[in-house]
Amino acid sequence: ISSLCRAIDPNDYVPNAWATWMEAGKGINLVAQSGDRVCGCA
């Protein structure tokens, strides 16, 4: 997820926020997976 976000914008806030969201467990963290690669997130 960090790698795909940095490919779009090297200063993206999502890589840092994602871990917080996962840990909090209140939301819905989704990924799109193609083969063994994550190609999207929301």
All heavy atoms as atom14 arrays in JSON, in Angstrom:
{
  "sequence": "ISSLCRAIDPNDYVPNAWATWMEAGKGINLVAQSGDRVCGCA",
  "atom14_mask": [
    [1, 1, 1, 1, 1, 1, 1, 1, 0, 0, 0, 0, 0, 0],
    [1, 1, 1, 1, 1, 1, 0, 0, 0, 0, 0, 0, 0, 0],
    [1, 1, 1, 1, 1, 1, 0, 0, 0, 0, 0, 0, 0, 0],
    [1, 1, 1, 1, 1, 1, 1, 1, 0, 0, 0, 0, 0, 0],
    [1, 1, 1, 1, 1, 1, 0, 0, 0, 0, 0, 0, 0, 0],
    [1, 1, 1, 1, 1, 1, 1, 1, 1, 1, 1, 0, 0, 0],
    [1, 1, 1, 1, 1, 0, 0, 0, 0, 0, 0, 0, 0, 0],
    [1, 1, 1, 1, 1, 1, 1, 1, 0, 0, 0, 0, 0, 0],
    [1, 1, 1, 1, 1, 1, 1, 1, 0, 0, 0, 0, 0, 0],
    [1, 1, 1, 1, 1, 1, 1, 0, 0, 0, 0, 0, 0, 0],
    [1, 1, 1, 1, 1, 1, 1, 1, 0, 0, 0, 0, 0, 0],
    [1, 1, 1, 1, 1, 1, 1, 1, 0, 0, 0, 0, 0, 0],
    [1, 1, 1, 1, 1, 1, 1, 1, 1, 1, 1, 1, 0, 0],
    [1, 1, 1, 1, 1, 1, 1, 0, 0, 0, 0, 0, 0, 0],
    [1, 1, 1, 1, 1, 1, 1, 0, 0, 0, 0, 0, 0, 0],
    [1, 1, 1, 1, 1, 1, 1, 1, 0, 0, 0, 0, 0, 0],
    [1, 1, 1, 1, 1, 0, 0, 0, 0, 0, 0, 0, 0, 0],
    [1, 1, 1, 1, 1, 1, 1, 1, 1, 1, 1, 1, 1, 1],
    [1, 1, 1, 1, 1, 0, 0, 0, 0, 0, 0, 0, 0, 0],
    [1, 1, 1, 1, 1, 1, 1, 0, 0, 0, 0, 0, 0, 0],
    [1, 1, 1, 1, 1, 1, 1, 1, 1, 1, 1, 1, 1, 1],
    [1, 1, 1, 1, 1, 1, 1, 1, 0, 0, 0, 0, 0, 0],
    [1, 1, 1, 1, 1, 1, 1, 1, 1, 0, 0, 0, 0, 0],
    [1, 1, 1, 1, 1, 0, 0, 0, 0, 0, 0, 0, 0, 0],
    [1, 1, 1, 1, 0, 0, 0, 0, 0, 0, 0, 0, 0, 0],
    [1, 1, 1, 1, 1, 1, 1, 1, 1, 0, 0, 0, 0, 0],
    [1, 1, 1, 1, 0, 0, 0, 0, 0, 0, 0, 0, 0, 0],
    [1, 1, 1, 1, 1, 1, 1, 1, 0, 0, 0, 0, 0, 0],
    [1, 1, 1, 1, 1, 1, 1, 1, 0, 0, 0, 0, 0, 0],
    [1, 1, 1, 1, 1, 1, 1, 1, 0, 0, 0, 0, 0, 0],
    [1, 1, 1, 1, 1, 1, 1, 0, 0, 0, 0, 0, 0, 0],
    [1, 1, 1, 1, 1, 0, 0, 0, 0, 0, 0, 0, 0, 0],
    [1, 1, 1, 1, 1, 1, 1, 1, 1, 0, 0, 0, 0, 0],
    [1, 1, 1, 1, 1, 1, 0, 0, 0, 0, 0, 0, 0, 0],
    [1, 1, 1, 1, 0, 0, 0, 0, 0, 0, 0, 0, 0, 0],
    [1, 1, 1, 1, 1, 1, 1, 1, 0, 0, 0, 0, 0, 0],
    [1, 1, 1, 1, 1, 1, 1, 1, 1, 1, 1, 0, 0, 0],
    [1, 1, 1, 1, 1, 1, 1, 0, 0, 0, 0, 0, 0, 0],
    [1, 1, 1, 1, 1, 1, 0, 0, 0, 0, 0, 0, 0, 0],
    [1, 1, 1, 1, 0, 0, 0, 0, 0, 0, 0, 0, 0, 0],
    [1, 1, 1, 1, 1, 1, 0, 0, 0, 0, 0, 0, 0, 0],
    [1, 1, 1, 1, 1, 0, 0, 0, 0, 0, 0, 0, 0, 0]
  ],
  "atom14_positions": [
    [[0.86, -1.2, 0.0], [0.0, 0.0, 0.0], [0.89, 1.24, 0.0], [0.66, 2.18, -0.77], [-0.96, -0.01, 1.2], [-2.0, -1.12, 1.02], [-1.64, 1.36, 1.37], [-2.8, -1.45, 2.26], [0.0, 0.0, 0.0], [0.0, 0.0, 0.0], [0.0, 0.0, 0.0], [0.0, 0.0, 0.0], [0.0, 0.0, 0.0], [0.0, 0.0, 0.0]],
    [[1.91, 1.24, 0.83], [2.84, 2.38, 0.88], [3.5, 2.59, -0.47], [3.6, 3.72, -0.96], [3.91, 2.15, 1.95], [3.33, 2.14, 3.22], [0.0, 0.0, 0.0], [0.0, 0.0, 0.0], [0.0, 0.0, 0.0], [0.0, 0.0, 0.0], [0.0, 0.0, 0.0], [0.0, 0.0, 0.0], [0.0, 0.0, 0.0], [0.0, 0.0, 0.0]],
    [[3.93, 1.51, -1.09], [4.6, 1.6, -2.38], [3.67, 2.17, -3.46], [4.07, 3.04, -4.24], [5.1, 0.21, -2.78], [5.71, 0.26, -4.05], [0.0, 0.0, 0.0], [0.0, 0.0, 0.0], [0.0, 0.0, 0.0], [0.0, 0.0, 0.0], [0.0, 0.0, 0.0], [0.0, 0.0, 0.0], [0.0, 0.0, 0.0], [0.0, 0.0, 0.0]],
    [[2.43, 1.7, -3.5], [1.52, 2.21, -4.53], [1.18, 3.67, -4.29], [1.11, 4.46, -5.22], [0.27, 1.32, -4.66], [-1.02, 1.63, -3.94], [-1.87, 2.61, -4.72], [-1.81, 0.34, -3.8], [0.0, 0.0, 0.0], [0.0, 0.0, 0.0], [0.0, 0.0, 0.0], [0.0, 0.0, 0.0], [0.0, 0.0, 0.0], [0.0, 0.0, 0.0]],
    [[1.02, 4.08, -3.02], [0.74, 5.48, -2.71], [1.91, 6.37, -3.09], [1.73, 7.44, -3.67], [0.41, 5.65, -1.24], [-1.16, 4.9, -0.76], [0.0, 0.0, 0.0], [0.0, 0.0, 0.0], [0.0, 0.0, 0.0], [0.0, 0.0, 0.0], [0.0, 0.0, 0.0], [0.0, 0.0, 0.0], [0.0, 0.0, 0.0], [0.0, 0.0, 0.0]],
    [[3.12, 5.92, -2.8], [4.32, 6.71, -3.13], [4.54, 6.79, -4.64], [5.1, 7.76, -5.13], [5.55, 6.13, -2.45], [5.44, 6.04, -0.94], [5.97, 7.27, -0.24], [6.04, 7.03, 1.19], [5.29, 7.67, 2.08], [4.42, 8.57, 1.68], [5.41, 7.42, 3.35], [0.0, 0.0, 0.0], [0.0, 0.0, 0.0], [0.0, 0.0, 0.0]],
    [[4.05, 5.79, -5.39], [4.15, 5.84, -6.86], [3.26, 6.94, -7.42], [3.54, 7.5, -8.48], [3.76, 4.48, -7.46], [0.0, 0.0, 0.0], [0.0, 0.0, 0.0], [0.0, 0.0, 0.0], [0.0, 0.0, 0.0], [0.0, 0.0, 0.0], [0.0, 0.0, 0.0], [0.0, 0.0, 0.0], [0.0, 0.0, 0.0], [0.0, 0.0, 0.0]],
    [[2.19, 7.25, -6.71], [1.27, 8.3, -7.14], [1.75, 9.66, -6.65], [1.76, 10.64, -7.39], [-0.16, 8.03, -6.61], [-0.68, 6.71, -7.2], [-1.11, 9.17, -6.93], [-1.91, 6.16, -6.5], [0.0, 0.0, 0.0], [0.0, 0.0, 0.0], [0.0, 0.0, 0.0], [0.0, 0.0, 0.0], [0.0, 0.0, 0.0], [0.0, 0.0, 0.0]],
    [[2.15, 9.73, -5.37], [2.58, 10.98, -4.75], [3.58, 10.65, -3.65], [3.2, 10.06, -2.63], [1.38, 11.72, -4.17], [1.74, 12.99, -3.42], [2.93, 13.35, -3.35], [0.81, 13.64, -2.89], [0.0, 0.0, 0.0], [0.0, 0.0, 0.0], [0.0, 0.0, 0.0], [0.0, 0.0, 0.0], [0.0, 0.0, 0.0], [0.0, 0.0, 0.0]],
    [[4.85, 11.03, -3.82], [5.86, 10.71, -2.81], [5.55, 11.28, -1.43], [6.06, 10.81, -0.43], [7.14, 11.34, -3.37], [6.89, 11.52, -4.82], [5.41, 11.71, -4.99], [0.0, 0.0, 0.0], [0.0, 0.0, 0.0], [0.0, 0.0, 0.0], [0.0, 0.0, 0.0], [0.0, 0.0, 0.0], [0.0, 0.0, 0.0], [0.0, 0.0, 0.0]],
    [[4.69, 12.3, -1.35], [4.35, 12.93, -0.08], [2.97, 12.52, 0.44], [2.43, 13.17, 1.34], [4.4, 14.45, -0.22], [5.79, 14.92, -0.6], [6.77, 14.52, 0.01], [5.87, 15.74, -1.63], [0.0, 0.0, 0.0], [0.0, 0.0, 0.0], [0.0, 0.0, 0.0], [0.0, 0.0, 0.0], [0.0, 0.0, 0.0], [0.0, 0.0, 0.0]],
    [[2.4, 11.47, -0.09], [1.06, 11.02, 0.29], [0.99, 10.73, 1.8], [1.89, 10.12, 2.36], [0.7, 9.75, -0.5], [-0.78, 9.44, -0.49], [-1.52, 9.95, 0.38], [-1.2, 8.65, -1.35], [0.0, 0.0, 0.0], [0.0, 0.0, 0.0], [0.0, 0.0, 0.0], [0.0, 0.0, 0.0], [0.0, 0.0, 0.0], [0.0, 0.0, 0.0]],
    [[-0.11, 11.16, 2.43], [-0.31, 10.91, 3.86], [-0.78, 9.49, 4.15], [-0.68, 9.0, 5.29], [-1.34, 11.9, 4.43], [-2.77, 11.61, 4.01], [-3.62, 10.86, 4.83], [-3.27, 12.06, 2.8], [-4.92, 10.59, 4.45], [-4.56, 11.79, 2.41], [-5.38, 11.06, 3.23], [-6.67, 10.78, 2.85], [0.0, 0.0, 0.0], [0.0, 0.0, 0.0]],
    [[-1.31, 8.8, 3.16], [-1.95, 7.5, 3.38], [-1.02, 6.44, 3.98], [-1.43, 5.74, 4.9], [-2.64, 7.0, 2.1], [-3.14, 5.56, 2.26], [-3.81, 7.92, 1.75], [0.0, 0.0, 0.0], [0.0, 0.0, 0.0], [0.0, 0.0, 0.0], [0.0, 0.0, 0.0], [0.0, 0.0, 0.0], [0.0, 0.0, 0.0], [0.0, 0.0, 0.0]],
    [[0.24, 6.29, 3.53], [1.07, 5.25, 4.15], [1.18, 5.38, 5.67], [1.17, 4.38, 6.38], [2.43, 5.43, 3.48], [2.09, 5.97, 2.13], [0.93, 6.91, 2.39], [0.0, 0.0, 0.0], [0.0, 0.0, 0.0], [0.0, 0.0, 0.0], [0.0, 0.0, 0.0], [0.0, 0.0, 0.0], [0.0, 0.0, 0.0], [0.0, 0.0, 0.0]],
    [[1.27, 6.6, 6.16], [1.34, 6.8, 7.61], [-0.02, 6.62, 8.29], [-0.1, 6.09, 9.39], [1.89, 8.18, 7.94], [3.34, 8.32, 7.51], [4.12, 7.4, 7.66], [3.69, 9.47, 6.97], [0.0, 0.0, 0.0], [0.0, 0.0, 0.0], [0.0, 0.0, 0.0], [0.0, 0.0, 0.0], [0.0, 0.0, 0.0], [0.0, 0.0, 0.0]],
    [[-1.07, 7.06, 7.63], [-2.4, 6.95, 8.23], [-2.92, 5.51, 8.22], [-3.65, 5.1, 9.12], [-3.38, 7.85, 7.46], [0.0, 0.0, 0.0], [0.0, 0.0, 0.0], [0.0, 0.0, 0.0], [0.0, 0.0, 0.0], [0.0, 0.0, 0.0], [0.0, 0.0, 0.0], [0.0, 0.0, 0.0], [0.0, 0.0, 0.0], [0.0, 0.0, 0.0]],
    [[-2.54, 4.74, 7.21], [-3.09, 3.39, 7.02], [-2.88, 2.53, 8.26], [-3.79, 1.84, 8.72], [-2.47, 2.73, 5.79], [-3.27, 1.55, 5.34], [-3.07, 0.23, 5.7], [-4.4, 1.55, 4.48], [-4.02, -0.56, 5.1], [-4.85, 0.22, 4.35], [-5.09, 2.55, 3.8], [-5.93, -0.13, 3.57], [-6.17, 2.19, 3.02], [-6.59, 0.88, 2.9]],
    [[-1.67, 2.56, 8.82], [-1.38, 1.75, 10.02], [-2.27, 2.17, 11.18], [-2.78, 1.31, 11.92], [0.09, 1.88, 10.4], [0.0, 0.0, 0.0], [0.0, 0.0, 0.0], [0.0, 0.0, 0.0], [0.0, 0.0, 0.0], [0.0, 0.0, 0.0], [0.0, 0.0, 0.0], [0.0, 0.0, 0.0], [0.0, 0.0, 0.0], [0.0, 0.0, 0.0]],
    [[-2.5, 3.46, 11.33], [-3.39, 3.97, 12.39], [-4.81, 3.47, 12.17], [-5.47, 3.03, 13.11], [-3.36, 5.51, 12.42], [-2.01, 5.94, 12.6], [-4.24, 6.07, 13.52], [0.0, 0.0, 0.0], [0.0, 0.0, 0.0], [0.0, 0.0, 0.0], [0.0, 0.0, 0.0], [0.0, 0.0, 0.0], [0.0, 0.0, 0.0], [0.0, 0.0, 0.0]],
    [[-5.28, 3.53, 10.94], [-6.64, 3.06, 10.64], [-6.78, 1.57, 10.9], [-7.78, 1.12, 11.44], [-7.01, 3.37, 9.19], [-7.09, 4.83, 8.86], [-7.4, 5.86, 9.7], [-6.86, 5.42, 7.6], [-7.36, 7.05, 9.03], [-7.03, 6.81, 7.73], [-6.5, 4.9, 6.34], [-6.89, 7.69, 6.67], [-6.36, 5.79, 5.29], [-6.56, 7.16, 5.45]],
    [[-5.78, 0.81, 10.5], [-5.83, -0.64, 10.71], [-5.86, -0.95, 12.21], [-6.63, -1.79, 12.66], [-4.62, -1.33, 10.07], [-4.64, -1.38, 8.56], [-5.88, -2.49, 7.86], [-5.23, -4.09, 8.33], [0.0, 0.0, 0.0], [0.0, 0.0, 0.0], [0.0, 0.0, 0.0], [0.0, 0.0, 0.0], [0.0, 0.0, 0.0], [0.0, 0.0, 0.0]],
    [[-5.03, -0.28, 12.96], [-4.93, -0.52, 14.39], [-6.23, -0.13, 15.1], [-6.67, -0.84, 16.01], [-3.77, 0.29, 14.97], [-3.45, -0.02, 16.41], [-2.24, 0.76, 16.88], [-1.16, 0.59, 16.28], [-2.38, 1.54, 17.84], [0.0, 0.0, 0.0], [0.0, 0.0, 0.0], [0.0, 0.0, 0.0], [0.0, 0.0, 0.0], [0.0, 0.0, 0.0]],
    [[-6.84, 0.97, 14.69], [-8.07, 1.43, 15.33], [-9.21, 0.45, 15.11], [-10.06, 0.26, 15.98], [-8.45, 2.82, 14.81], [0.0, 0.0, 0.0], [0.0, 0.0, 0.0], [0.0, 0.0, 0.0], [0.0, 0.0, 0.0], [0.0, 0.0, 0.0], [0.0, 0.0, 0.0], [0.0, 0.0, 0.0], [0.0, 0.0, 0.0], [0.0, 0.0, 0.0]],
    [[-9.25, -0.17, 13.93], [-10.25, -1.19, 13.65], [-11.68, -0.7, 13.54], [-12.61, -1.5, 13.54], [0.0, 0.0, 0.0], [0.0, 0.0, 0.0], [0.0, 0.0, 0.0], [0.0, 0.0, 0.0], [0.0, 0.0, 0.0], [0.0, 0.0, 0.0], [0.0, 0.0, 0.0], [0.0, 0.0, 0.0], [0.0, 0.0, 0.0], [0.0, 0.0, 0.0]],
    [[-11.89, 0.61, 13.43], [-13.25, 1.15, 13.35], [-13.77, 1.22, 11.92], [-14.96, 1.28, 11.7], [-13.3, 2.57, 13.93], [-12.96, 2.64, 15.39], [-13.15, 4.03, 15.98], [-12.72, 5.15, 15.07], [-12.82, 6.48, 15.63], [0.0, 0.0, 0.0], [0.0, 0.0, 0.0], [0.0, 0.0, 0.0], [0.0, 0.0, 0.0], [0.0, 0.0, 0.0]],
    [[-12.87, 1.25, 10.99], [-13.27, 1.48, 9.61], [-13.18, 0.27, 8.73], [-13.03, -0.87, 9.19], [0.0, 0.0, 0.0], [0.0, 0.0, 0.0], [0.0, 0.0, 0.0], [0.0, 0.0, 0.0], [0.0, 0.0, 0.0], [0.0, 0.0, 0.0], [0.0, 0.0, 0.0], [0.0, 0.0, 0.0], [0.0, 0.0, 0.0], [0.0, 0.0, 0.0]],
    [[-13.27, 0.54, 7.45], [-13.2, -0.5, 6.42], [-11.98, -0.2, 5.58], [-11.91, 0.82, 4.9], [-14.47, -0.47, 5.55], [-15.71, -0.66, 6.41], [-14.39, -1.51, 4.44], [-16.99, -0.19, 5.75], [0.0, 0.0, 0.0], [0.0, 0.0, 0.0], [0.0, 0.0, 0.0], [0.0, 0.0, 0.0], [0.0, 0.0, 0.0], [0.0, 0.0, 0.0]],
    [[-10.99, -1.06, 5.67], [-9.76, -0.93, 4.89], [-9.82, -1.99, 3.79], [-9.8, -3.17, 4.08], [-8.53, -1.2, 5.76], [-8.39, -0.23, 6.91], [-9.2, -0.24, 7.83], [-7.38, 0.59, 6.86], [0.0, 0.0, 0.0], [0.0, 0.0, 0.0], [0.0, 0.0, 0.0], [0.0, 0.0, 0.0], [0.0, 0.0, 0.0], [0.0, 0.0, 0.0]],
    [[-9.9, -1.53, 2.55], [-9.99, -2.46, 1.42], [-8.77, -2.33, 0.52], [-8.19, -1.26, 0.41], [-11.24, -2.16, 0.59], [-12.6, -2.31, 1.26], [-13.71, -1.93, 0.29], [-12.8, -3.72, 1.78], [0.0, 0.0, 0.0], [0.0, 0.0, 0.0], [0.0, 0.0, 0.0], [0.0, 0.0, 0.0], [0.0, 0.0, 0.0], [0.0, 0.0, 0.0]],
    [[-8.43, -3.44, -0.11], [-7.39, -3.43, -1.15], [-7.93, -4.13, -2.39], [-8.82, -4.98, -2.3], [-6.07, -4.1, -0.7], [-5.42, -3.32, 0.42], [-6.27, -5.54, -0.34], [0.0, 0.0, 0.0], [0.0, 0.0, 0.0], [0.0, 0.0, 0.0], [0.0, 0.0, 0.0], [0.0, 0.0, 0.0], [0.0, 0.0, 0.0], [0.0, 0.0, 0.0]],
    [[-7.37, -3.73, -3.52], [-7.6, -4.44, -4.78], [-6.32, -5.23, -5.03], [-5.22, -4.68, -4.97], [-7.85, -3.45, -5.91], [0.0, 0.0, 0.0], [0.0, 0.0, 0.0], [0.0, 0.0, 0.0], [0.0, 0.0, 0.0], [0.0, 0.0, 0.0], [0.0, 0.0, 0.0], [0.0, 0.0, 0.0], [0.0, 0.0, 0.0], [0.0, 0.0, 0.0]],
    [[-6.48, -6.51, -5.29], [-5.32, -7.38, -5.49], [-5.4, -8.03, -6.87], [-6.41, -8.62, -7.23], [-5.28, -8.46, -4.41], [-4.1, -9.38, -4.53], [-4.05, -10.4, -3.39], [-4.52, -10.13, -2.3], [-3.49, -11.55, -3.66], [0.0, 0.0, 0.0], [0.0, 0.0, 0.0], [0.0, 0.0, 0.0], [0.0, 0.0, 0.0], [0.0, 0.0, 0.0]],
    [[-4.32, -7.9, -7.61], [-4.19, -8.53, -8.91], [-3.0, -9.47, -8.83], [-1.86, -9.02, -8.64], [-3.97, -7.47, -10.0], [-3.85, -8.08, -11.25], [0.0, 0.0, 0.0], [0.0, 0.0, 0.0], [0.0, 0.0, 0.0], [0.0, 0.0, 0.0], [0.0, 0.0, 0.0], [0.0, 0.0, 0.0], [0.0, 0.0, 0.0], [0.0, 0.0, 0.0]],
    [[-3.26, -10.77, -8.92], [-2.19, -11.74, -8.69], [-1.75, -11.64, -7.25], [-2.56, -11.65, -6.34], [0.0, 0.0, 0.0], [0.0, 0.0, 0.0], [0.0, 0.0, 0.0], [0.0, 0.0, 0.0], [0.0, 0.0, 0.0], [0.0, 0.0, 0.0], [0.0, 0.0, 0.0], [0.0, 0.0, 0.0], [0.0, 0.0, 0.0], [0.0, 0.0, 0.0]],
    [[-0.46, -11.46, -7.04], [0.03, -11.32, -5.66], [0.36, -9.87, -5.32], [1.0, -9.58, -4.33], [1.26, -12.2, -5.44], [2.42, -11.85, -6.36], [2.25, -11.01, -7.27], [3.51, -12.42, -6.17], [0.0, 0.0, 0.0], [0.0, 0.0, 0.0], [0.0, 0.0, 0.0], [0.0, 0.0, 0.0], [0.0, 0.0, 0.0], [0.0, 0.0, 0.0]],
    [[-0.13, -8.93, -6.14], [0.19, -7.52, -5.98], [-1.03, -6.68, -5.6], [-2.09, -6.79, -6.2], [0.75, -7.01, -7.31], [1.27, -5.61, -7.24], [1.9, -5.24, -8.55], [1.26, -4.01, -8.99], [1.36, -3.5, -10.18], [2.03, -4.13, -11.11], [0.78, -2.38, -10.48], [0.0, 0.0, 0.0], [0.0, 0.0, 0.0], [0.0, 0.0, 0.0]],
    [[-0.87, -5.82, -4.6], [-1.9, -4.85, -4.23], [-1.81, -3.71, -5.24], [-0.77, -3.09, -5.39], [-1.71, -4.33, -2.79], [-2.64, -3.16, -2.51], [-1.94, -5.45, -1.79], [0.0, 0.0, 0.0], [0.0, 0.0, 0.0], [0.0, 0.0, 0.0], [0.0, 0.0, 0.0], [0.0, 0.0, 0.0], [0.0, 0.0, 0.0], [0.0, 0.0, 0.0]],
    [[-2.91, -3.47, -5.95], [-2.9, -2.43, -6.99], [-3.85, -1.28, -6.68], [-3.99, -0.35, -7.46], [-3.2, -3.03, -8.35], [-4.8, -3.84, -8.48], [0.0, 0.0, 0.0], [0.0, 0.0, 0.0], [0.0, 0.0, 0.0], [0.0, 0.0, 0.0], [0.0, 0.0, 0.0], [0.0, 0.0, 0.0], [0.0, 0.0, 0.0], [0.0, 0.0, 0.0]],
    [[-4.52, -1.34, -5.52], [-5.42, -0.26, -5.14], [-5.8, -0.4, -3.68], [-5.65, -1.46, -3.07], [0.0, 0.0, 0.0], [0.0, 0.0, 0.0], [0.0, 0.0, 0.0], [0.0, 0.0, 0.0], [0.0, 0.0, 0.0], [0.0, 0.0, 0.0], [0.0, 0.0, 0.0], [0.0, 0.0, 0.0], [0.0, 0.0, 0.0], [0.0, 0.0, 0.0]],
    [[-6.29, 0.71, -3.11], [-6.75, 0.68, -1.73], [-7.81, 1.76, -1.54], [-7.93, 2.68, -2.34], [-5.6, 0.89, -0.75], [-4.79, 2.49, -0.85], [0.0, 0.0, 0.0], [0.0, 0.0, 0.0], [0.0, 0.0, 0.0], [0.0, 0.0, 0.0], [0.0, 0.0, 0.0], [0.0, 0.0, 0.0], [0.0, 0.0, 0.0], [0.0, 0.0, 0.0]],
    [[-8.59, 1.61, -0.48], [-9.61, 2.6, -0.11], [-9.93, 2.41, 1.36], [-9.81, 1.31, 1.91], [-10.87, 2.43, -0.95], [0.0, 0.0, 0.0], [0.0, 0.0, 0.0], [0.0, 0.0, 0.0], [0.0, 0.0, 0.0], [0.0, 0.0, 0.0], [0.0, 0.0, 0.0], [0.0, 0.0, 0.0], [0.0, 0.0, 0.0], [0.0, 0.0, 0.0]]
  ]
}
